[in-house]
Amino acid sequence: MKKIFVINGGQHFAHSGGKFNKTVSNWDKDFFTLENGFKLKYTDINEDYNLAEEVEKFVWADVIIYHTPVWWFGLPYKFKQYLDTVFTAGHRKGIYYSDGRKLENPEINYGTGGSLHGRNYMLTTTWNAPETAFTLPDEFFNETSVDDGVMFGFHRMNAFTGMKKLDGFHFHDLEKNATPERIENYERAYKNHLEQTFSETLAITEIQ
């Protein structure tokens, strides 16, 4: 059994109801079942949570899956608060031990003191921006991808803990162009992405 921890970082605020990230989380619940060879734990950052229990979920999991909208080119503030407080609570309790440096040579090895080695994480993001804003010349993001641009710091945060990145999934044009057809196409594409990413676990379950 592979242990999956899903975090829904979609925040309820102003005109945003967090509905799409809730929908994606439900797609996870359809996929990460006991029948498919998975154990699943779940956190919604809009609900009350206990810091020690959240730290335990990170330590328990084989894979952490983050779902977040991108607000003003960063994380929603409640999701950022969740990460700040949970990771701080996880200092020397399973998330990270130190920044990795030694007093005798503090110029090197920064970022190597994580405690989550052997775990993986996967990131999904949701955007109003269309995919072409990242890929076409002269468009807003200067041909810089989500992962190498806006979410670069997020990926380094996870590397700091010792986790390795799995290929993520980015959902685009979900405000001005969130048609039922687009949502249906994204559901098929995302579930196919999960099948490809976790094909080894599914294959083992089929053999059993």
N, C-alpha and C. Protein backbone atom coordinates (compact mmCIF):
# COMPACT_ATOMS: atom_id res chain seq x y z
N MET A 1 0.83 -1.20 0.00
CA MET A 1 0.00 0.00 0.00
C MET A 1 0.87 1.25 0.00
N LYS A 2 0.62 2.14 -0.93
CA LYS A 2 1.32 3.42 -0.95
C LYS A 2 0.47 4.44 -0.20
N LYS A 3 1.12 5.23 0.65
CA LYS A 3 0.42 6.18 1.52
C LYS A 3 0.47 7.58 0.90
N ILE A 4 -0.72 8.14 0.69
CA ILE A 4 -0.88 9.42 0.01
C ILE A 4 -1.50 10.44 0.97
N PHE A 5 -0.89 11.62 1.02
CA PHE A 5 -1.44 12.73 1.81
C PHE A 5 -1.78 13.86 0.86
N VAL A 6 -3.06 14.19 0.75
CA VAL A 6 -3.54 15.24 -0.14
C VAL A 6 -3.87 16.49 0.68
N ILE A 7 -3.35 17.63 0.22
CA ILE A 7 -3.61 18.91 0.88
C ILE A 7 -4.34 19.82 -0.10
N ASN A 8 -5.55 20.21 0.26
CA ASN A 8 -6.33 21.14 -0.54
C ASN A 8 -6.06 22.56 -0.04
N GLY A 9 -5.27 23.31 -0.82
CA GLY A 9 -4.92 24.67 -0.45
C GLY A 9 -5.81 25.72 -1.06
N GLY A 10 -6.95 25.32 -1.64
CA GLY A 10 -7.88 26.28 -2.22
C GLY A 10 -8.64 27.03 -1.15
N GLN A 11 -8.45 28.33 -1.08
CA GLN A 11 -9.00 29.13 0.01
C GLN A 11 -10.31 29.78 -0.36
N HIS A 12 -11.21 29.88 0.62
CA HIS A 12 -12.46 30.61 0.45
C HIS A 12 -12.19 32.09 0.74
N PHE A 13 -12.31 32.95 -0.26
CA PHE A 13 -12.04 34.37 -0.04
C PHE A 13 -12.59 35.16 -1.22
N ALA A 14 -13.28 36.27 -0.89
CA ALA A 14 -13.81 37.17 -1.92
C ALA A 14 -14.62 36.37 -2.95
N HIS A 15 -14.28 36.50 -4.25
CA HIS A 15 -15.05 35.81 -5.27
C HIS A 15 -14.60 34.36 -5.44
N SER A 16 -13.56 33.94 -4.71
CA SER A 16 -13.05 32.58 -4.84
C SER A 16 -13.68 31.68 -3.78
N GLY A 17 -14.35 30.63 -4.23
CA GLY A 17 -14.95 29.69 -3.29
C GLY A 17 -14.13 28.44 -3.08
N GLY A 18 -12.99 28.34 -3.79
CA GLY A 18 -12.15 27.15 -3.67
C GLY A 18 -12.78 25.91 -4.27
N LYS A 19 -13.78 26.09 -5.14
CA LYS A 19 -14.54 24.94 -5.63
C LYS A 19 -13.72 24.02 -6.51
N PHE A 20 -12.89 24.59 -7.39
CA PHE A 20 -12.19 23.71 -8.32
C PHE A 20 -11.15 22.85 -7.61
N ASN A 21 -10.42 23.42 -6.66
CA ASN A 21 -9.44 22.60 -5.93
C ASN A 21 -10.13 21.53 -5.10
N LYS A 22 -11.33 21.81 -4.62
CA LYS A 22 -12.13 20.79 -3.95
C LYS A 22 -12.49 19.69 -4.93
N THR A 23 -12.85 20.07 -6.15
CA THR A 23 -13.17 19.10 -7.19
C THR A 23 -11.97 18.21 -7.49
N VAL A 24 -10.80 18.83 -7.65
CA VAL A 24 -9.59 18.04 -7.93
C VAL A 24 -9.30 17.09 -6.77
N SER A 25 -9.49 17.55 -5.54
CA SER A 25 -9.29 16.68 -4.38
C SER A 25 -10.25 15.50 -4.42
N ASN A 26 -11.47 15.72 -4.89
CA ASN A 26 -12.42 14.62 -5.02
C ASN A 26 -12.00 13.64 -6.10
N TRP A 27 -11.36 14.14 -7.17
CA TRP A 27 -10.81 13.23 -8.16
C TRP A 27 -9.74 12.33 -7.53
N ASP A 28 -8.95 12.92 -6.64
CA ASP A 28 -7.96 12.11 -5.91
C ASP A 28 -8.64 11.01 -5.11
N LYS A 29 -9.71 11.37 -4.43
CA LYS A 29 -10.40 10.39 -3.59
C LYS A 29 -10.98 9.25 -4.43
N ASP A 30 -11.36 9.56 -5.67
CA ASP A 30 -11.82 8.51 -6.59
C ASP A 30 -10.69 7.57 -6.98
N PHE A 31 -9.49 8.13 -7.08
CA PHE A 31 -8.34 7.36 -7.60
C PHE A 31 -7.57 6.63 -6.50
N PHE A 32 -7.29 7.31 -5.40
CA PHE A 32 -6.43 6.75 -4.36
C PHE A 32 -7.27 5.93 -3.36
N THR A 33 -7.74 4.80 -3.82
CA THR A 33 -8.59 3.94 -3.02
C THR A 33 -7.81 2.72 -2.53
N LEU A 34 -8.36 2.06 -1.54
CA LEU A 34 -7.74 0.82 -1.06
C LEU A 34 -7.70 -0.22 -2.17
N GLU A 35 -8.76 -0.24 -3.00
CA GLU A 35 -8.81 -1.21 -4.10
C GLU A 35 -7.68 -0.98 -5.10
N ASN A 36 -7.25 0.27 -5.26
CA ASN A 36 -6.15 0.60 -6.18
C ASN A 36 -4.78 0.50 -5.52
N GLY A 37 -4.75 0.18 -4.22
CA GLY A 37 -3.47 -0.01 -3.54
C GLY A 37 -2.96 1.18 -2.78
N PHE A 38 -3.88 2.05 -2.33
CA PHE A 38 -3.46 3.28 -1.65
C PHE A 38 -4.17 3.45 -0.31
N LYS A 39 -3.48 4.08 0.62
CA LYS A 39 -4.09 4.62 1.82
C LYS A 39 -4.04 6.14 1.70
N LEU A 40 -5.12 6.82 2.05
CA LEU A 40 -5.24 8.26 1.79
C LEU A 40 -5.56 9.01 3.08
N LYS A 41 -4.83 10.12 3.29
CA LYS A 41 -5.19 11.09 4.31
C LYS A 41 -5.35 12.44 3.62
N TYR A 42 -6.18 13.30 4.22
CA TYR A 42 -6.59 14.52 3.53
C TYR A 42 -6.70 15.67 4.51
N THR A 43 -6.25 16.85 4.07
CA THR A 43 -6.42 18.09 4.83
C THR A 43 -6.95 19.18 3.91
N ASP A 44 -7.97 19.89 4.40
CA ASP A 44 -8.47 21.10 3.74
C ASP A 44 -8.05 22.27 4.62
N ILE A 45 -7.28 23.20 4.07
CA ILE A 45 -6.72 24.28 4.89
C ILE A 45 -7.78 25.26 5.39
N ASN A 46 -9.01 25.16 4.87
CA ASN A 46 -10.10 26.00 5.36
C ASN A 46 -10.71 25.47 6.65
N GLU A 47 -10.40 24.23 6.98
CA GLU A 47 -10.94 23.61 8.18
C GLU A 47 -9.90 23.66 9.30
N ASP A 48 -10.38 23.53 10.54
CA ASP A 48 -9.46 23.52 11.68
C ASP A 48 -8.52 22.34 11.59
N TYR A 49 -7.27 22.55 11.97
CA TYR A 49 -6.30 21.45 11.97
C TYR A 49 -5.39 21.57 13.17
N ASN A 50 -4.82 20.44 13.55
CA ASN A 50 -3.90 20.35 14.68
C ASN A 50 -2.49 20.23 14.13
N LEU A 51 -1.59 21.11 14.55
CA LEU A 51 -0.24 21.15 13.97
C LEU A 51 0.49 19.83 14.13
N ALA A 52 0.44 19.23 15.30
CA ALA A 52 1.14 17.97 15.52
C ALA A 52 0.60 16.87 14.62
N GLU A 53 -0.72 16.85 14.44
CA GLU A 53 -1.31 15.84 13.56
C GLU A 53 -0.92 16.05 12.10
N GLU A 54 -0.81 17.32 11.69
CA GLU A 54 -0.39 17.60 10.32
C GLU A 54 1.06 17.18 10.10
N VAL A 55 1.93 17.43 11.07
CA VAL A 55 3.32 16.97 10.97
C VAL A 55 3.35 15.45 10.82
N GLU A 56 2.54 14.76 11.59
CA GLU A 56 2.49 13.30 11.52
C GLU A 56 2.06 12.82 10.14
N LYS A 57 1.16 13.56 9.48
CA LYS A 57 0.72 13.18 8.14
C LYS A 57 1.88 13.25 7.15
N PHE A 58 2.69 14.31 7.24
CA PHE A 58 3.86 14.41 6.37
C PHE A 58 4.81 13.25 6.60
N VAL A 59 5.06 12.93 7.85
CA VAL A 59 5.99 11.86 8.19
C VAL A 59 5.44 10.51 7.77
N TRP A 60 4.12 10.34 7.87
CA TRP A 60 3.46 9.08 7.50
C TRP A 60 3.48 8.81 6.01
N ALA A 61 3.33 9.83 5.21
CA ALA A 61 3.05 9.67 3.78
C ALA A 61 4.28 9.24 2.99
N ASP A 62 4.00 8.51 1.90
CA ASP A 62 5.01 8.26 0.87
C ASP A 62 5.02 9.39 -0.16
N VAL A 63 3.83 9.93 -0.43
CA VAL A 63 3.68 11.01 -1.41
C VAL A 63 2.75 12.07 -0.84
N ILE A 64 3.17 13.33 -0.91
CA ILE A 64 2.31 14.46 -0.56
C ILE A 64 1.85 15.12 -1.84
N ILE A 65 0.56 15.33 -1.98
CA ILE A 65 0.01 16.01 -3.15
C ILE A 65 -0.59 17.34 -2.71
N TYR A 66 -0.05 18.41 -3.27
CA TYR A 66 -0.52 19.76 -2.96
C TYR A 66 -1.42 20.26 -4.09
N HIS A 67 -2.58 20.78 -3.73
CA HIS A 67 -3.44 21.46 -4.70
C HIS A 67 -3.58 22.92 -4.27
N THR A 68 -3.24 23.83 -5.15
CA THR A 68 -3.36 25.24 -4.79
C THR A 68 -3.72 26.11 -5.98
N PRO A 69 -4.60 27.10 -5.77
CA PRO A 69 -4.71 28.16 -6.75
C PRO A 69 -3.51 29.09 -6.62
N VAL A 70 -3.27 29.88 -7.63
CA VAL A 70 -2.20 30.88 -7.57
C VAL A 70 -2.86 32.25 -7.49
N TRP A 71 -2.59 32.95 -6.38
CA TRP A 71 -3.16 34.28 -6.14
C TRP A 71 -2.04 35.31 -6.21
N TRP A 72 -2.17 36.26 -7.09
CA TRP A 72 -1.17 37.30 -7.20
C TRP A 72 0.24 36.71 -7.23
N PHE A 73 0.35 35.63 -8.02
CA PHE A 73 1.65 35.01 -8.30
C PHE A 73 2.29 34.40 -7.06
N GLY A 74 1.45 33.88 -6.18
CA GLY A 74 1.92 33.19 -4.99
C GLY A 74 0.81 32.31 -4.42
N LEU A 75 1.06 31.79 -3.23
CA LEU A 75 0.07 30.93 -2.57
C LEU A 75 -0.98 31.76 -1.86
N PRO A 76 -2.22 31.24 -1.74
CA PRO A 76 -3.20 31.90 -0.87
C PRO A 76 -2.66 32.01 0.55
N TYR A 77 -3.02 33.07 1.24
CA TYR A 77 -2.38 33.34 2.53
C TYR A 77 -2.68 32.27 3.58
N LYS A 78 -3.84 31.63 3.53
CA LYS A 78 -4.11 30.58 4.50
C LYS A 78 -3.28 29.33 4.22
N PHE A 79 -3.03 29.07 2.95
CA PHE A 79 -2.17 27.93 2.61
C PHE A 79 -0.73 28.22 3.02
N LYS A 80 -0.28 29.45 2.79
CA LYS A 80 1.07 29.83 3.23
C LYS A 80 1.17 29.74 4.76
N GLN A 81 0.13 30.17 5.46
CA GLN A 81 0.13 30.06 6.92
C GLN A 81 0.20 28.60 7.35
N TYR A 82 -0.55 27.75 6.67
CA TYR A 82 -0.52 26.32 6.97
C TYR A 82 0.92 25.78 6.86
N LEU A 83 1.56 26.08 5.74
CA LEU A 83 2.92 25.57 5.53
C LEU A 83 3.90 26.16 6.55
N ASP A 84 3.79 27.46 6.80
CA ASP A 84 4.70 28.09 7.77
C ASP A 84 4.57 27.46 9.14
N THR A 85 3.34 27.27 9.59
CA THR A 85 3.15 26.77 10.95
C THR A 85 3.41 25.28 11.07
N VAL A 86 2.99 24.50 10.08
CA VAL A 86 3.21 23.05 10.14
C VAL A 86 4.69 22.72 10.00
N PHE A 87 5.37 23.36 9.05
CA PHE A 87 6.79 23.05 8.88
C PHE A 87 7.59 23.50 10.10
N THR A 88 7.22 24.63 10.70
CA THR A 88 7.90 25.07 11.92
C THR A 88 7.66 24.07 13.05
N ALA A 89 6.43 23.57 13.16
CA ALA A 89 6.14 22.56 14.18
C ALA A 89 6.88 21.26 13.91
N GLY A 90 7.26 21.03 12.66
CA GLY A 90 7.97 19.81 12.29
C GLY A 90 9.47 19.87 12.46
N HIS A 91 9.99 21.00 12.99
CA HIS A 91 11.43 21.11 13.22
C HIS A 91 11.88 20.08 14.25
N ARG A 92 12.78 19.22 13.84
CA ARG A 92 13.32 18.13 14.65
C ARG A 92 12.23 17.15 15.10
N LYS A 93 11.11 17.16 14.36
CA LYS A 93 10.03 16.21 14.63
C LYS A 93 9.63 15.46 13.37
N GLY A 94 10.52 15.46 12.38
CA GLY A 94 10.27 14.64 11.21
C GLY A 94 10.22 15.35 9.88
N ILE A 95 10.08 16.69 9.88
CA ILE A 95 10.06 17.41 8.60
C ILE A 95 11.45 17.93 8.24
N TYR A 96 12.11 18.59 9.16
CA TYR A 96 13.50 18.95 8.92
C TYR A 96 14.23 19.05 10.25
N TYR A 97 15.53 18.83 10.20
CA TYR A 97 16.34 18.88 11.42
C TYR A 97 17.08 20.20 11.55
N SER A 98 17.65 20.66 10.43
CA SER A 98 18.43 21.91 10.43
C SER A 98 18.52 22.40 9.00
N ASP A 99 19.29 23.45 8.77
CA ASP A 99 19.49 23.89 7.38
C ASP A 99 20.59 23.10 6.69
N GLY A 100 21.23 22.19 7.41
CA GLY A 100 22.22 21.30 6.82
C GLY A 100 23.65 21.74 6.93
N ARG A 101 23.91 23.00 7.31
CA ARG A 101 25.28 23.50 7.36
C ARG A 101 25.95 23.12 8.68
N LYS A 102 27.28 23.09 8.66
CA LYS A 102 28.08 22.84 9.86
C LYS A 102 28.88 24.09 10.20
N LEU A 103 29.08 24.32 11.49
CA LEU A 103 29.76 25.53 11.94
C LEU A 103 31.18 25.63 11.38
N GLU A 104 31.82 24.49 11.19
CA GLU A 104 33.20 24.53 10.71
C GLU A 104 33.32 24.98 9.26
N ASN A 105 32.22 24.90 8.50
CA ASN A 105 32.25 25.35 7.10
C ASN A 105 30.84 25.77 6.69
N PRO A 106 30.38 26.93 7.17
CA PRO A 106 28.99 27.33 6.97
C PRO A 106 28.67 27.83 5.56
N GLU A 107 29.65 27.85 4.67
CA GLU A 107 29.43 28.34 3.32
C GLU A 107 28.78 27.29 2.42
N ILE A 108 28.79 26.03 2.83
CA ILE A 108 28.31 24.97 1.94
C ILE A 108 27.23 24.13 2.64
N ASN A 109 26.52 23.35 1.82
CA ASN A 109 25.54 22.36 2.27
C ASN A 109 24.24 22.95 2.81
N TYR A 110 23.98 24.23 2.51
CA TYR A 110 22.69 24.79 2.90
C TYR A 110 21.57 23.99 2.22
N GLY A 111 20.51 23.73 2.96
CA GLY A 111 19.35 23.05 2.39
C GLY A 111 19.42 21.55 2.40
N THR A 112 20.36 20.98 3.15
CA THR A 112 20.53 19.53 3.16
C THR A 112 20.11 18.89 4.48
N GLY A 113 19.41 19.64 5.33
CA GLY A 113 19.05 19.12 6.65
C GLY A 113 17.63 18.62 6.77
N GLY A 114 17.01 18.29 5.66
CA GLY A 114 15.64 17.79 5.70
C GLY A 114 15.54 16.39 6.26
N SER A 115 14.35 16.05 6.75
CA SER A 115 14.10 14.73 7.34
C SER A 115 13.13 13.88 6.54
N LEU A 116 12.67 14.39 5.39
CA LEU A 116 11.66 13.65 4.61
C LEU A 116 12.27 12.96 3.40
N HIS A 117 13.51 12.56 3.48
CA HIS A 117 14.13 11.81 2.39
C HIS A 117 13.37 10.50 2.17
N GLY A 118 13.27 10.11 0.92
CA GLY A 118 12.51 8.91 0.58
C GLY A 118 11.06 9.19 0.27
N ARG A 119 10.61 10.42 0.48
CA ARG A 119 9.26 10.82 0.11
C ARG A 119 9.28 11.59 -1.20
N ASN A 120 8.13 11.61 -1.84
CA ASN A 120 7.92 12.42 -3.03
C ASN A 120 6.76 13.37 -2.82
N TYR A 121 6.70 14.40 -3.65
CA TYR A 121 5.55 15.30 -3.62
C TYR A 121 5.15 15.64 -5.04
N MET A 122 3.91 16.03 -5.20
CA MET A 122 3.39 16.44 -6.49
C MET A 122 2.57 17.71 -6.29
N LEU A 123 2.74 18.66 -7.19
CA LEU A 123 2.06 19.95 -7.10
C LEU A 123 1.09 20.10 -8.26
N THR A 124 -0.15 20.53 -7.94
CA THR A 124 -1.04 21.05 -8.98
C THR A 124 -1.35 22.50 -8.65
N THR A 125 -1.48 23.29 -9.70
CA THR A 125 -1.86 24.69 -9.53
C THR A 125 -3.03 25.02 -10.45
N THR A 126 -3.82 26.00 -10.04
CA THR A 126 -4.93 26.47 -10.87
C THR A 126 -4.75 27.95 -11.13
N TRP A 127 -5.05 28.34 -12.37
CA TRP A 127 -4.77 29.69 -12.86
C TRP A 127 -5.95 30.27 -13.62
N ASN A 128 -6.08 31.60 -13.55
CA ASN A 128 -6.86 32.32 -14.54
C ASN A 128 -6.07 32.43 -15.84
N ALA A 129 -4.76 32.54 -15.74
CA ALA A 129 -3.91 32.71 -16.92
C ALA A 129 -4.00 31.50 -17.84
N PRO A 130 -4.08 31.72 -19.15
CA PRO A 130 -4.06 30.60 -20.09
C PRO A 130 -2.65 30.02 -20.20
N GLU A 131 -2.57 28.81 -20.67
CA GLU A 131 -1.26 28.16 -20.82
C GLU A 131 -0.35 28.94 -21.76
N THR A 132 -0.93 29.58 -22.76
CA THR A 132 -0.13 30.33 -23.73
C THR A 132 0.60 31.52 -23.10
N ALA A 133 0.12 32.01 -21.95
CA ALA A 133 0.82 33.11 -21.27
C ALA A 133 2.22 32.69 -20.82
N PHE A 134 2.45 31.38 -20.73
CA PHE A 134 3.75 30.86 -20.30
C PHE A 134 4.60 30.38 -21.47
N THR A 135 4.00 30.17 -22.63
CA THR A 135 4.71 29.51 -23.71
C THR A 135 4.99 30.38 -24.93
N LEU A 136 4.17 31.38 -25.17
CA LEU A 136 4.33 32.17 -26.39
C LEU A 136 5.31 33.33 -26.19
N PRO A 137 6.11 33.65 -27.21
CA PRO A 137 6.99 34.82 -27.12
C PRO A 137 6.18 36.09 -26.90
N ASP A 138 6.74 36.97 -26.11
CA ASP A 138 6.17 38.29 -25.82
C ASP A 138 4.92 38.24 -24.95
N GLU A 139 4.54 37.05 -24.47
CA GLU A 139 3.43 36.97 -23.53
C GLU A 139 3.96 37.17 -22.10
N PHE A 140 3.04 37.22 -21.14
CA PHE A 140 3.32 37.77 -19.81
C PHE A 140 4.48 37.11 -19.06
N PHE A 141 4.60 35.79 -19.13
CA PHE A 141 5.60 35.10 -18.31
C PHE A 141 6.93 34.86 -19.02
N ASN A 142 7.13 35.52 -20.16
CA ASN A 142 8.42 35.49 -20.85
C ASN A 142 8.92 34.07 -21.14
N GLU A 143 7.99 33.20 -21.54
CA GLU A 143 8.30 31.82 -21.89
C GLU A 143 8.96 31.05 -20.73
N THR A 144 8.57 31.40 -19.51
CA THR A 144 9.05 30.71 -18.31
C THR A 144 7.93 29.86 -17.76
N SER A 145 8.21 28.59 -17.49
CA SER A 145 7.18 27.67 -17.05
C SER A 145 6.72 27.99 -15.63
N VAL A 146 5.58 27.42 -15.25
CA VAL A 146 5.08 27.55 -13.88
C VAL A 146 6.13 27.08 -12.88
N ASP A 147 6.72 25.92 -13.13
CA ASP A 147 7.64 25.32 -12.16
C ASP A 147 8.97 26.06 -12.07
N ASP A 148 9.43 26.61 -13.18
CA ASP A 148 10.71 27.33 -13.17
C ASP A 148 10.54 28.80 -12.82
N GLY A 149 9.30 29.26 -12.78
CA GLY A 149 9.04 30.67 -12.51
C GLY A 149 8.34 30.89 -11.19
N VAL A 150 7.01 31.09 -11.25
CA VAL A 150 6.24 31.46 -10.07
C VAL A 150 6.39 30.44 -8.94
N MET A 151 6.45 29.15 -9.25
CA MET A 151 6.48 28.13 -8.21
C MET A 151 7.89 27.61 -7.91
N PHE A 152 8.90 28.28 -8.39
CA PHE A 152 10.28 27.83 -8.14
C PHE A 152 10.57 27.74 -6.64
N GLY A 153 10.20 28.77 -5.88
CA GLY A 153 10.44 28.77 -4.44
C GLY A 153 9.70 27.66 -3.73
N PHE A 154 8.50 27.33 -4.19
CA PHE A 154 7.74 26.24 -3.59
C PHE A 154 8.50 24.92 -3.75
N HIS A 155 9.07 24.70 -4.92
CA HIS A 155 9.82 23.47 -5.15
C HIS A 155 11.09 23.43 -4.30
N ARG A 156 11.75 24.56 -4.12
CA ARG A 156 12.95 24.55 -3.27
C ARG A 156 12.57 24.31 -1.81
N MET A 157 11.40 24.81 -1.39
CA MET A 157 10.92 24.54 -0.04
C MET A 157 10.82 23.04 0.20
N ASN A 158 10.25 22.32 -0.75
CA ASN A 158 10.11 20.88 -0.60
C ASN A 158 11.45 20.16 -0.66
N ALA A 159 12.35 20.67 -1.51
CA ALA A 159 13.70 20.09 -1.54
C ALA A 159 14.40 20.28 -0.21
N PHE A 160 14.14 21.39 0.47
CA PHE A 160 14.73 21.66 1.78
C PHE A 160 14.35 20.58 2.79
N THR A 161 13.15 20.03 2.65
CA THR A 161 12.71 18.98 3.57
C THR A 161 13.27 17.61 3.20
N GLY A 162 13.85 17.50 2.02
CA GLY A 162 14.39 16.22 1.56
C GLY A 162 13.52 15.51 0.54
N MET A 163 12.34 16.06 0.23
CA MET A 163 11.45 15.39 -0.72
C MET A 163 11.88 15.61 -2.16
N LYS A 164 11.50 14.65 -3.01
CA LYS A 164 11.77 14.71 -4.44
C LYS A 164 10.48 15.00 -5.20
N LYS A 165 10.60 15.74 -6.28
CA LYS A 165 9.44 16.19 -7.05
C LYS A 165 9.00 15.14 -8.07
N LEU A 166 7.70 14.85 -8.07
CA LEU A 166 7.07 14.13 -9.17
C LEU A 166 6.51 15.16 -10.15
N ASP A 167 6.32 14.75 -11.39
CA ASP A 167 5.74 15.66 -12.37
C ASP A 167 4.37 16.12 -11.89
N GLY A 168 4.16 17.42 -11.93
CA GLY A 168 2.90 17.98 -11.48
C GLY A 168 1.93 18.20 -12.61
N PHE A 169 0.89 18.98 -12.32
CA PHE A 169 -0.17 19.23 -13.30
C PHE A 169 -0.69 20.63 -13.05
N HIS A 170 -0.81 21.41 -14.12
CA HIS A 170 -1.26 22.80 -13.98
C HIS A 170 -2.53 23.03 -14.80
N PHE A 171 -3.54 23.58 -14.13
CA PHE A 171 -4.85 23.83 -14.73
C PHE A 171 -4.94 25.31 -15.08
N HIS A 172 -5.20 25.61 -16.35
CA HIS A 172 -5.17 27.00 -16.82
C HIS A 172 -6.54 27.48 -17.28
N ASP A 173 -6.68 28.83 -17.28
CA ASP A 173 -7.83 29.51 -17.86
C ASP A 173 -9.13 29.05 -17.20
N LEU A 174 -9.14 29.08 -15.87
CA LEU A 174 -10.28 28.56 -15.13
C LEU A 174 -11.15 29.65 -14.50
N GLU A 175 -11.00 30.87 -14.97
CA GLU A 175 -11.91 31.92 -14.51
C GLU A 175 -12.74 32.42 -15.67
N LYS A 176 -12.09 32.93 -16.70
CA LYS A 176 -12.84 33.45 -17.84
C LYS A 176 -13.32 32.35 -18.77
N ASN A 177 -12.72 31.16 -18.66
CA ASN A 177 -13.02 30.13 -19.65
C ASN A 177 -13.26 28.77 -18.99
N ALA A 178 -13.90 28.77 -17.83
CA ALA A 178 -14.14 27.52 -17.10
C ALA A 178 -15.42 26.85 -17.60
N THR A 179 -15.41 26.41 -18.84
CA THR A 179 -16.58 25.76 -19.42
C THR A 179 -16.69 24.32 -18.91
N PRO A 180 -17.89 23.75 -18.93
CA PRO A 180 -18.04 22.33 -18.55
C PRO A 180 -17.14 21.42 -19.38
N GLU A 181 -17.00 21.73 -20.66
CA GLU A 181 -16.15 20.91 -21.52
C GLU A 181 -14.68 20.97 -21.07
N ARG A 182 -14.22 22.17 -20.70
CA ARG A 182 -12.85 22.30 -20.23
C ARG A 182 -12.64 21.49 -18.95
N ILE A 183 -13.59 21.55 -18.03
CA ILE A 183 -13.48 20.80 -16.78
C ILE A 183 -13.46 19.30 -17.06
N GLU A 184 -14.33 18.83 -17.95
CA GLU A 184 -14.36 17.41 -18.29
C GLU A 184 -13.04 16.96 -18.91
N ASN A 185 -12.49 17.78 -19.80
CA ASN A 185 -11.21 17.44 -20.42
C ASN A 185 -10.09 17.40 -19.38
N TYR A 186 -10.13 18.35 -18.45
CA TYR A 186 -9.12 18.37 -17.40
C TYR A 186 -9.25 17.14 -16.48
N GLU A 187 -10.48 16.73 -16.20
CA GLU A 187 -10.65 15.54 -15.36
C GLU A 187 -10.02 14.32 -16.02
N ARG A 188 -10.28 14.13 -17.30
CA ARG A 188 -9.69 12.99 -18.01
C ARG A 188 -8.17 13.09 -18.02
N ALA A 189 -7.66 14.29 -18.31
CA ALA A 189 -6.21 14.46 -18.41
C ALA A 189 -5.54 14.26 -17.05
N TYR A 190 -6.14 14.76 -15.99
CA TYR A 190 -5.55 14.64 -14.66
C TYR A 190 -5.56 13.19 -14.19
N LYS A 191 -6.68 12.51 -14.38
CA LYS A 191 -6.73 11.11 -13.96
C LYS A 191 -5.76 10.25 -14.77
N ASN A 192 -5.58 10.58 -16.02
CA ASN A 192 -4.58 9.89 -16.83
C ASN A 192 -3.18 10.17 -16.29
N HIS A 193 -2.95 11.40 -15.87
CA HIS A 193 -1.66 11.76 -15.26
C HIS A 193 -1.42 10.94 -13.99
N LEU A 194 -2.45 10.78 -13.16
CA LEU A 194 -2.31 9.96 -11.96
C LEU A 194 -2.00 8.51 -12.31
N GLU A 195 -2.69 7.99 -13.31
CA GLU A 195 -2.45 6.60 -13.72
C GLU A 195 -1.02 6.40 -14.18
N GLN A 196 -0.51 7.35 -14.95
CA GLN A 196 0.86 7.23 -15.43
C GLN A 196 1.86 7.39 -14.29
N THR A 197 1.60 8.34 -13.39
CA THR A 197 2.53 8.60 -12.29
C THR A 197 2.58 7.45 -11.30
N PHE A 198 1.44 6.82 -11.05
CA PHE A 198 1.37 5.78 -10.04
C PHE A 198 1.12 4.40 -10.66
N SER A 199 1.57 4.23 -11.91
CA SER A 199 1.33 2.98 -12.63
C SER A 199 1.96 1.78 -11.93
N GLU A 200 3.10 1.98 -11.27
CA GLU A 200 3.76 0.86 -10.60
C GLU A 200 2.89 0.31 -9.48
N THR A 201 2.30 1.19 -8.68
CA THR A 201 1.42 0.74 -7.60
C THR A 201 0.19 0.04 -8.17
N LEU A 202 -0.39 0.60 -9.22
CA LEU A 202 -1.57 -0.01 -9.83
C LEU A 202 -1.24 -1.38 -10.39
N ALA A 203 -0.06 -1.53 -10.99
CA ALA A 203 0.35 -2.82 -11.56
C ALA A 203 0.50 -3.88 -10.48
N ILE A 204 1.07 -3.51 -9.36
CA ILE A 204 1.24 -4.45 -8.25
C ILE A 204 -0.13 -4.90 -7.74
N THR A 205 -1.07 -3.96 -7.65
CA THR A 205 -2.42 -4.30 -7.17
C THR A 205 -3.11 -5.26 -8.13
N GLU A 206 -2.94 -5.05 -9.43
CA GLU A 206 -3.56 -5.92 -10.42
C GLU A 206 -3.00 -7.34 -10.33
N ILE A 207 -1.70 -7.45 -10.08
CA ILE A 207 -1.07 -8.78 -9.96
C ILE A 207 -1.62 -9.51 -8.75
N GLN A 208 -1.81 -8.78 -7.66
CA GLN A 208 -2.33 -9.38 -6.44
C GLN A 208 -3.77 -9.83 -6.63
